Amino acid sequence: MKLKTESLWTITLLALSFSLAGCGGGVDDQPELGQVKGTVTMDGSPLAGVSVTFSPDSGRPATGKTDVAGTYELIYIRNTPGCKLGHNTVMISNSGEEDEMEMEGDDAVMPTTTEENEIPAKYNSKTTLEADVQPGENTFNFDLKKK
C-alpha cells in the first residue's frame, strides 16, 4: 500500500506542476514592443493634453497623452509602455472622455473623434502621419502646422 501512496503523490505533484506551468500566459501573448516617446508642438508651441495614438497595420493601438511640455510616452495596455513594432498610422487629437487603454485584445480599433477639433484633420480623422517603430527606444516628434 505504501508504494501506491507514493505513486499517487508523485502523480498528483506532476499534474499540479503541469497545470501551474500553463498559468499566467498573458505575457507570451503580447507582441514585441518598442518604447515610444516624443514631443508634439503646434507651430513650434507645445501641445498639452492631446492624445497621441499609434495604430499598427494589425493589432491594438498604443496611446499616450501629452503633458504641459507637449511630451508623451505610449502605453500599449494598462501599465505596459510601448507600441507594436513596424508601420503605424499616427493620430493626434484632443483627448476624449473615453479611455482607450481599457480596450483589450487585437480587436481594439483606432479611436475616432466627433467633436470639433482645433487640430487639423490631416493629423487626426484624416491623418497623414506615419511612424516605423523599431525594437528598443524610439523618439517621434511631431511639429504640427495650423494651416
N, C-alpha and C. Protein backbone atom coordinates (compact mmCIF):
# COMPACT_ATOMS: atom_id res chain seq x y z
N MET A 1 0.82 -1.19 0.00
CA MET A 1 0.00 0.00 0.00
C MET A 1 0.87 1.26 0.00
N LYS A 2 2.06 1.17 0.61
CA LYS A 2 2.96 2.31 0.67
C LYS A 2 3.41 2.73 -0.73
N LEU A 3 3.65 1.77 -1.60
CA LEU A 3 4.07 2.07 -2.97
C LEU A 3 2.96 2.80 -3.72
N LYS A 4 1.73 2.39 -3.53
CA LYS A 4 0.61 3.04 -4.20
C LYS A 4 0.45 4.47 -3.71
N THR A 5 0.63 4.73 -2.43
CA THR A 5 0.51 6.07 -1.87
C THR A 5 1.60 6.99 -2.43
N GLU A 6 2.84 6.48 -2.49
CA GLU A 6 3.95 7.29 -3.04
C GLU A 6 3.71 7.57 -4.52
N SER A 7 3.22 6.60 -5.26
CA SER A 7 2.92 6.81 -6.68
C SER A 7 1.82 7.83 -6.86
N LEU A 8 0.80 7.75 -6.00
CA LEU A 8 -0.30 8.70 -6.08
C LEU A 8 0.20 10.12 -5.82
N TRP A 9 1.08 10.29 -4.82
CA TRP A 9 1.64 11.61 -4.54
C TRP A 9 2.49 12.11 -5.71
N THR A 10 3.28 11.24 -6.28
CA THR A 10 4.11 11.62 -7.42
C THR A 10 3.24 12.08 -8.59
N ILE A 11 2.21 11.33 -8.88
CA ILE A 11 1.30 11.69 -9.99
C ILE A 11 0.60 13.00 -9.69
N THR A 12 0.16 13.19 -8.45
CA THR A 12 -0.52 14.44 -8.06
C THR A 12 0.42 15.63 -8.21
N LEU A 13 1.66 15.49 -7.74
CA LEU A 13 2.62 16.59 -7.85
C LEU A 13 2.95 16.91 -9.30
N LEU A 14 3.10 15.88 -10.12
CA LEU A 14 3.37 16.11 -11.54
C LEU A 14 2.20 16.82 -12.21
N ALA A 15 0.99 16.39 -11.92
CA ALA A 15 -0.19 17.03 -12.51
C ALA A 15 -0.29 18.48 -12.07
N LEU A 16 -0.01 18.75 -10.80
CA LEU A 16 -0.05 20.12 -10.30
C LEU A 16 1.00 20.98 -10.97
N SER A 17 2.23 20.46 -11.15
CA SER A 17 3.27 21.25 -11.80
C SER A 17 2.94 21.56 -13.25
N PHE A 18 2.36 20.60 -13.97
CA PHE A 18 1.97 20.86 -15.36
C PHE A 18 0.86 21.88 -15.45
N SER A 19 -0.09 21.82 -14.51
CA SER A 19 -1.19 22.78 -14.57
C SER A 19 -0.72 24.17 -14.23
N LEU A 20 0.22 24.31 -13.30
CA LEU A 20 0.77 25.62 -12.97
C LEU A 20 1.61 26.19 -14.10
N ALA A 21 2.27 25.35 -14.84
CA ALA A 21 3.11 25.82 -15.95
C ALA A 21 2.27 26.48 -17.03
N GLY A 22 1.01 26.11 -17.14
CA GLY A 22 0.13 26.70 -18.14
C GLY A 22 -0.50 28.01 -17.71
N CYS A 23 -0.37 28.40 -16.46
CA CYS A 23 -0.99 29.62 -15.95
C CYS A 23 -0.12 30.84 -16.24
N GLY A 24 -0.77 32.00 -16.26
CA GLY A 24 -0.04 33.26 -16.39
C GLY A 24 0.51 33.51 -17.77
N GLY A 25 -0.14 32.99 -18.80
CA GLY A 25 0.38 33.11 -20.16
C GLY A 25 0.15 34.45 -20.82
N GLY A 26 -0.33 35.47 -20.09
CA GLY A 26 -0.64 36.75 -20.70
C GLY A 26 0.56 37.42 -21.35
N VAL A 27 1.74 37.30 -20.77
CA VAL A 27 2.92 37.97 -21.30
C VAL A 27 3.33 37.38 -22.64
N ASP A 28 3.23 36.06 -22.78
CA ASP A 28 3.63 35.42 -24.03
C ASP A 28 2.72 35.79 -25.19
N ASP A 29 1.48 36.21 -24.91
CA ASP A 29 0.53 36.58 -25.95
C ASP A 29 0.81 37.98 -26.50
N GLN A 30 1.63 38.75 -25.82
CA GLN A 30 1.89 40.13 -26.20
C GLN A 30 2.95 40.18 -27.31
N PRO A 31 2.72 41.01 -28.32
CA PRO A 31 3.73 41.13 -29.38
C PRO A 31 4.97 41.88 -28.87
N GLU A 32 6.05 41.82 -29.65
CA GLU A 32 7.25 42.57 -29.29
C GLU A 32 6.94 44.06 -29.41
N LEU A 33 7.38 44.82 -28.42
CA LEU A 33 7.08 46.25 -28.38
C LEU A 33 8.35 47.08 -28.44
N GLY A 34 8.24 48.26 -29.02
CA GLY A 34 9.28 49.27 -28.98
C GLY A 34 8.82 50.37 -28.04
N GLN A 35 9.74 51.00 -27.33
CA GLN A 35 9.39 52.10 -26.43
C GLN A 35 9.31 53.38 -27.27
N VAL A 36 8.21 54.11 -27.14
CA VAL A 36 8.00 55.30 -27.97
C VAL A 36 7.69 56.51 -27.10
N LYS A 37 8.43 57.58 -27.36
CA LYS A 37 8.19 58.85 -26.68
C LYS A 37 8.48 59.96 -27.68
N GLY A 38 8.13 61.17 -27.31
CA GLY A 38 8.39 62.30 -28.20
C GLY A 38 7.69 63.55 -27.71
N THR A 39 7.67 64.55 -28.58
CA THR A 39 7.07 65.84 -28.27
C THR A 39 6.13 66.23 -29.40
N VAL A 40 5.00 66.84 -29.03
CA VAL A 40 4.04 67.34 -30.01
C VAL A 40 3.94 68.85 -29.84
N THR A 41 4.16 69.56 -30.94
CA THR A 41 4.04 71.01 -30.93
C THR A 41 3.11 71.45 -32.06
N MET A 42 2.53 72.64 -31.91
CA MET A 42 1.72 73.24 -32.98
C MET A 42 2.37 74.57 -33.31
N ASP A 43 2.89 74.68 -34.52
CA ASP A 43 3.61 75.88 -34.96
C ASP A 43 4.70 76.27 -33.96
N GLY A 44 5.39 75.26 -33.41
CA GLY A 44 6.52 75.49 -32.52
C GLY A 44 6.18 75.56 -31.04
N SER A 45 4.90 75.64 -30.68
CA SER A 45 4.50 75.70 -29.27
C SER A 45 4.00 74.34 -28.80
N PRO A 46 4.37 73.92 -27.57
CA PRO A 46 3.95 72.61 -27.07
C PRO A 46 2.43 72.47 -27.01
N LEU A 47 1.94 71.30 -27.37
CA LEU A 47 0.51 70.99 -27.26
C LEU A 47 0.31 70.13 -26.02
N ALA A 48 -0.38 70.66 -25.03
CA ALA A 48 -0.62 69.92 -23.79
C ALA A 48 -1.99 69.26 -23.81
N GLY A 49 -2.08 68.07 -23.22
CA GLY A 49 -3.35 67.40 -23.04
C GLY A 49 -3.97 66.80 -24.28
N VAL A 50 -3.17 66.52 -25.30
CA VAL A 50 -3.71 65.88 -26.50
C VAL A 50 -3.34 64.39 -26.50
N SER A 51 -4.18 63.60 -27.17
CA SER A 51 -3.93 62.16 -27.29
C SER A 51 -3.07 61.89 -28.51
N VAL A 52 -2.10 61.02 -28.34
CA VAL A 52 -1.25 60.56 -29.44
C VAL A 52 -1.49 59.06 -29.55
N THR A 53 -2.00 58.61 -30.71
CA THR A 53 -2.33 57.20 -30.90
C THR A 53 -1.56 56.65 -32.08
N PHE A 54 -0.83 55.56 -31.85
CA PHE A 54 -0.13 54.84 -32.91
C PHE A 54 -0.93 53.57 -33.18
N SER A 55 -1.41 53.41 -34.42
CA SER A 55 -2.17 52.22 -34.81
C SER A 55 -1.36 51.40 -35.80
N PRO A 56 -0.99 50.18 -35.41
CA PRO A 56 -0.24 49.32 -36.33
C PRO A 56 -1.15 48.83 -37.45
N ASP A 57 -0.56 48.24 -38.48
CA ASP A 57 -1.35 47.73 -39.60
C ASP A 57 -2.31 46.63 -39.14
N SER A 58 -1.94 45.89 -38.10
CA SER A 58 -2.85 44.92 -37.48
C SER A 58 -2.56 44.89 -36.00
N GLY A 59 -3.57 44.68 -35.20
CA GLY A 59 -3.39 44.62 -33.75
C GLY A 59 -3.87 45.88 -33.08
N ARG A 60 -3.69 45.92 -31.78
CA ARG A 60 -4.21 47.02 -30.97
C ARG A 60 -3.31 48.26 -31.04
N PRO A 61 -3.93 49.43 -30.94
CA PRO A 61 -3.15 50.67 -30.93
C PRO A 61 -2.52 50.93 -29.56
N ALA A 62 -1.56 51.83 -29.52
CA ALA A 62 -0.95 52.31 -28.28
C ALA A 62 -1.23 53.80 -28.19
N THR A 63 -1.45 54.29 -26.98
CA THR A 63 -1.85 55.68 -26.80
C THR A 63 -1.06 56.35 -25.69
N GLY A 64 -0.88 57.65 -25.83
CA GLY A 64 -0.28 58.46 -24.79
C GLY A 64 -0.94 59.82 -24.77
N LYS A 65 -0.71 60.54 -23.70
CA LYS A 65 -1.27 61.89 -23.59
C LYS A 65 -0.12 62.85 -23.29
N THR A 66 -0.13 64.00 -23.95
CA THR A 66 0.95 64.96 -23.76
C THR A 66 0.80 65.70 -22.43
N ASP A 67 1.96 66.04 -21.85
CA ASP A 67 1.96 66.85 -20.63
C ASP A 67 2.06 68.33 -21.02
N VAL A 68 2.28 69.20 -20.05
CA VAL A 68 2.32 70.64 -20.33
C VAL A 68 3.46 71.02 -21.27
N ALA A 69 4.51 70.21 -21.33
CA ALA A 69 5.64 70.49 -22.23
C ALA A 69 5.43 69.87 -23.61
N GLY A 70 4.28 69.18 -23.80
CA GLY A 70 4.00 68.55 -25.08
C GLY A 70 4.64 67.18 -25.25
N THR A 71 5.23 66.63 -24.18
CA THR A 71 5.88 65.32 -24.30
C THR A 71 4.88 64.20 -23.99
N TYR A 72 5.09 63.08 -24.64
CA TYR A 72 4.22 61.91 -24.45
C TYR A 72 5.07 60.65 -24.39
N GLU A 73 4.48 59.60 -23.84
CA GLU A 73 5.06 58.26 -23.87
C GLU A 73 3.91 57.30 -24.10
N LEU A 74 4.06 56.39 -25.06
CA LEU A 74 2.97 55.49 -25.41
C LEU A 74 2.82 54.34 -24.42
N ILE A 75 1.56 53.99 -24.17
CA ILE A 75 1.20 52.84 -23.34
C ILE A 75 0.47 51.86 -24.25
N TYR A 76 0.93 50.60 -24.23
CA TYR A 76 0.31 49.57 -25.07
C TYR A 76 -0.99 49.07 -24.46
N ILE A 77 -0.93 48.67 -23.21
CA ILE A 77 -2.12 48.21 -22.49
C ILE A 77 -1.88 48.39 -21.00
N ARG A 78 -2.86 48.90 -20.31
CA ARG A 78 -2.79 49.17 -18.87
C ARG A 78 -1.51 49.91 -18.52
N ASN A 79 -0.60 49.27 -17.78
CA ASN A 79 0.66 49.91 -17.37
C ASN A 79 1.86 49.43 -18.17
N THR A 80 1.62 48.84 -19.34
CA THR A 80 2.72 48.33 -20.17
C THR A 80 3.11 49.38 -21.20
N PRO A 81 4.29 49.99 -21.04
CA PRO A 81 4.71 51.00 -22.01
C PRO A 81 5.13 50.36 -23.32
N GLY A 82 4.95 51.10 -24.41
CA GLY A 82 5.43 50.63 -25.70
C GLY A 82 4.38 50.65 -26.78
N CYS A 83 4.78 50.16 -27.95
CA CYS A 83 3.95 50.14 -29.15
C CYS A 83 4.38 48.96 -30.00
N LYS A 84 3.43 48.37 -30.71
CA LYS A 84 3.74 47.25 -31.59
C LYS A 84 4.75 47.70 -32.65
N LEU A 85 5.71 46.84 -32.96
CA LEU A 85 6.76 47.16 -33.93
C LEU A 85 6.20 47.26 -35.35
N GLY A 86 6.90 48.02 -36.17
CA GLY A 86 6.55 48.12 -37.59
C GLY A 86 5.83 49.42 -37.91
N HIS A 87 5.17 49.41 -39.08
CA HIS A 87 4.47 50.59 -39.58
C HIS A 87 3.26 50.91 -38.71
N ASN A 88 3.12 52.18 -38.33
CA ASN A 88 1.99 52.66 -37.56
C ASN A 88 1.46 53.94 -38.17
N THR A 89 0.14 54.06 -38.19
CA THR A 89 -0.51 55.32 -38.54
C THR A 89 -0.65 56.10 -37.25
N VAL A 90 -0.33 57.40 -37.28
CA VAL A 90 -0.34 58.21 -36.06
C VAL A 90 -1.49 59.21 -36.12
N MET A 91 -2.25 59.27 -35.04
CA MET A 91 -3.35 60.22 -34.93
C MET A 91 -3.15 61.07 -33.69
N ILE A 92 -3.23 62.39 -33.85
CA ILE A 92 -3.10 63.32 -32.74
C ILE A 92 -4.39 64.11 -32.65
N SER A 93 -5.05 64.05 -31.50
CA SER A 93 -6.35 64.71 -31.34
C SER A 93 -6.55 65.19 -29.92
N ASN A 94 -7.54 66.06 -29.75
CA ASN A 94 -7.91 66.47 -28.40
C ASN A 94 -8.38 65.24 -27.66
N SER A 95 -8.03 65.15 -26.38
CA SER A 95 -8.42 63.99 -25.58
C SER A 95 -9.93 63.92 -25.45
N GLY A 96 -10.46 62.71 -25.63
CA GLY A 96 -11.90 62.49 -25.45
C GLY A 96 -12.17 61.97 -24.06
N GLU A 97 -13.42 61.77 -23.76
CA GLU A 97 -13.83 61.26 -22.46
C GLU A 97 -13.51 59.77 -22.33
N GLU A 98 -13.50 59.05 -23.46
CA GLU A 98 -13.30 57.60 -23.44
C GLU A 98 -11.83 57.28 -23.19
N ASP A 99 -11.58 56.28 -22.35
CA ASP A 99 -10.21 55.86 -22.07
C ASP A 99 -9.88 54.67 -22.96
N GLU A 100 -9.09 54.90 -24.02
CA GLU A 100 -8.76 53.86 -24.98
C GLU A 100 -7.96 52.73 -24.35
N MET A 101 -7.25 52.99 -23.24
CA MET A 101 -6.39 51.98 -22.65
C MET A 101 -7.19 50.86 -21.98
N GLU A 102 -8.47 51.04 -21.76
CA GLU A 102 -9.28 49.99 -21.17
C GLU A 102 -9.69 48.94 -22.19
N MET A 103 -9.52 49.25 -23.49
CA MET A 103 -9.83 48.27 -24.51
C MET A 103 -8.77 47.19 -24.47
N GLU A 104 -9.16 45.95 -24.76
CA GLU A 104 -8.20 44.86 -24.70
C GLU A 104 -8.23 44.05 -25.97
N GLY A 105 -7.11 43.37 -26.23
CA GLY A 105 -7.03 42.44 -27.35
C GLY A 105 -6.73 43.13 -28.66
N ASP A 106 -6.59 42.31 -29.68
CA ASP A 106 -6.28 42.82 -31.02
C ASP A 106 -7.50 43.37 -31.72
N ASP A 107 -8.68 43.29 -31.09
CA ASP A 107 -9.89 43.82 -31.70
C ASP A 107 -10.05 45.32 -31.48
N ALA A 108 -9.18 45.91 -30.65
CA ALA A 108 -9.27 47.33 -30.39
C ALA A 108 -9.00 48.09 -31.68
N VAL A 109 -9.71 49.18 -31.87
CA VAL A 109 -9.55 49.96 -33.09
C VAL A 109 -9.11 51.37 -32.75
N MET A 110 -8.61 52.08 -33.76
CA MET A 110 -8.17 53.45 -33.56
C MET A 110 -9.38 54.29 -33.14
N PRO A 111 -9.26 55.04 -32.04
CA PRO A 111 -10.39 55.85 -31.62
C PRO A 111 -10.70 56.94 -32.63
N THR A 112 -11.96 57.33 -32.70
CA THR A 112 -12.35 58.41 -33.59
C THR A 112 -12.86 59.56 -32.75
N THR A 113 -12.81 60.73 -33.28
CA THR A 113 -13.28 61.90 -32.55
C THR A 113 -14.43 62.53 -33.32
N THR A 114 -15.47 62.91 -32.60
CA THR A 114 -16.62 63.51 -33.26
C THR A 114 -16.73 65.00 -32.97
N GLU A 115 -16.02 65.45 -31.97
CA GLU A 115 -16.11 66.85 -31.60
C GLU A 115 -15.26 67.72 -32.53
N GLU A 116 -15.62 69.01 -32.58
CA GLU A 116 -14.80 69.95 -33.35
C GLU A 116 -13.41 69.99 -32.73
N ASN A 117 -12.42 70.02 -33.56
CA ASN A 117 -11.05 69.91 -33.11
C ASN A 117 -10.25 71.09 -33.62
N GLU A 118 -9.45 71.70 -32.76
CA GLU A 118 -8.59 72.77 -33.26
C GLU A 118 -7.39 72.22 -33.99
N ILE A 119 -7.15 70.93 -33.85
CA ILE A 119 -6.06 70.27 -34.56
C ILE A 119 -6.59 69.88 -35.94
N PRO A 120 -5.91 70.30 -37.01
CA PRO A 120 -6.39 69.98 -38.37
C PRO A 120 -6.60 68.48 -38.59
N ALA A 121 -7.60 68.15 -39.39
CA ALA A 121 -7.98 66.76 -39.67
C ALA A 121 -6.83 65.94 -40.23
N LYS A 122 -5.88 66.58 -40.92
CA LYS A 122 -4.77 65.82 -41.51
C LYS A 122 -3.87 65.19 -40.44
N TYR A 123 -4.11 65.53 -39.16
CA TYR A 123 -3.36 64.94 -38.06
C TYR A 123 -4.20 63.98 -37.22
N ASN A 124 -5.54 63.94 -37.47
CA ASN A 124 -6.37 63.03 -36.68
C ASN A 124 -7.33 62.25 -37.56
N SER A 125 -8.55 62.71 -37.80
CA SER A 125 -9.53 61.89 -38.53
C SER A 125 -9.10 61.56 -39.96
N LYS A 126 -8.28 62.41 -40.58
CA LYS A 126 -7.75 62.14 -41.93
C LYS A 126 -6.23 62.18 -41.89
N THR A 127 -5.67 61.54 -40.89
CA THR A 127 -4.24 61.65 -40.63
C THR A 127 -3.36 61.24 -41.81
N THR A 128 -2.28 61.97 -41.94
CA THR A 128 -1.24 61.65 -42.92
C THR A 128 0.06 61.26 -42.21
N LEU A 129 0.01 61.22 -40.87
CA LEU A 129 1.20 60.94 -40.07
C LEU A 129 1.46 59.43 -39.99
N GLU A 130 2.73 59.05 -40.08
CA GLU A 130 3.13 57.65 -40.00
C GLU A 130 4.43 57.56 -39.21
N ALA A 131 4.67 56.37 -38.65
CA ALA A 131 5.91 56.11 -37.92
C ALA A 131 6.27 54.64 -38.06
N ASP A 132 7.56 54.35 -38.13
CA ASP A 132 8.04 52.97 -38.21
C ASP A 132 8.74 52.66 -36.89
N VAL A 133 8.05 51.93 -36.02
CA VAL A 133 8.56 51.63 -34.68
C VAL A 133 9.54 50.45 -34.75
N GLN A 134 10.71 50.66 -34.17
CA GLN A 134 11.79 49.66 -34.14
C GLN A 134 11.93 49.12 -32.71
N PRO A 135 12.59 47.97 -32.54
CA PRO A 135 12.86 47.47 -31.18
C PRO A 135 13.69 48.49 -30.41
N GLY A 136 13.50 48.55 -29.09
CA GLY A 136 14.26 49.48 -28.26
C GLY A 136 13.58 50.83 -28.15
N GLU A 137 14.41 51.86 -27.95
CA GLU A 137 13.92 53.23 -27.75
C GLU A 137 13.64 53.91 -29.09
N ASN A 138 12.49 54.58 -29.19
CA ASN A 138 12.11 55.33 -30.38
C ASN A 138 11.65 56.72 -29.95
N THR A 139 12.06 57.75 -30.68
CA THR A 139 11.59 59.11 -30.42
C THR A 139 10.96 59.64 -31.69
N PHE A 140 9.70 60.02 -31.58
CA PHE A 140 8.98 60.61 -32.71
C PHE A 140 8.41 61.94 -32.25
N ASN A 141 8.98 63.04 -32.81
CA ASN A 141 8.50 64.39 -32.52
C ASN A 141 7.60 64.83 -33.67
N PHE A 142 6.51 65.51 -33.33
CA PHE A 142 5.58 65.98 -34.36
C PHE A 142 5.37 67.47 -34.19
N ASP A 143 5.78 68.27 -35.21
CA ASP A 143 5.54 69.70 -35.21
C ASP A 143 4.39 69.96 -36.18
N LEU A 144 3.19 70.06 -35.64
CA LEU A 144 2.01 70.26 -36.45
C LEU A 144 1.90 71.71 -36.90
N LYS A 145 1.28 71.91 -38.03
CA LYS A 145 1.06 73.25 -38.58
C LYS A 145 -0.44 73.52 -38.62
N LYS A 146 -0.85 74.68 -38.13
CA LYS A 146 -2.26 75.04 -38.10
C LYS A 146 -2.84 75.10 -39.50
N LYS A 147 -2.06 75.55 -40.47
CA LYS A 147 -2.57 75.67 -41.86
C LYS A 147 -1.85 74.72 -42.77
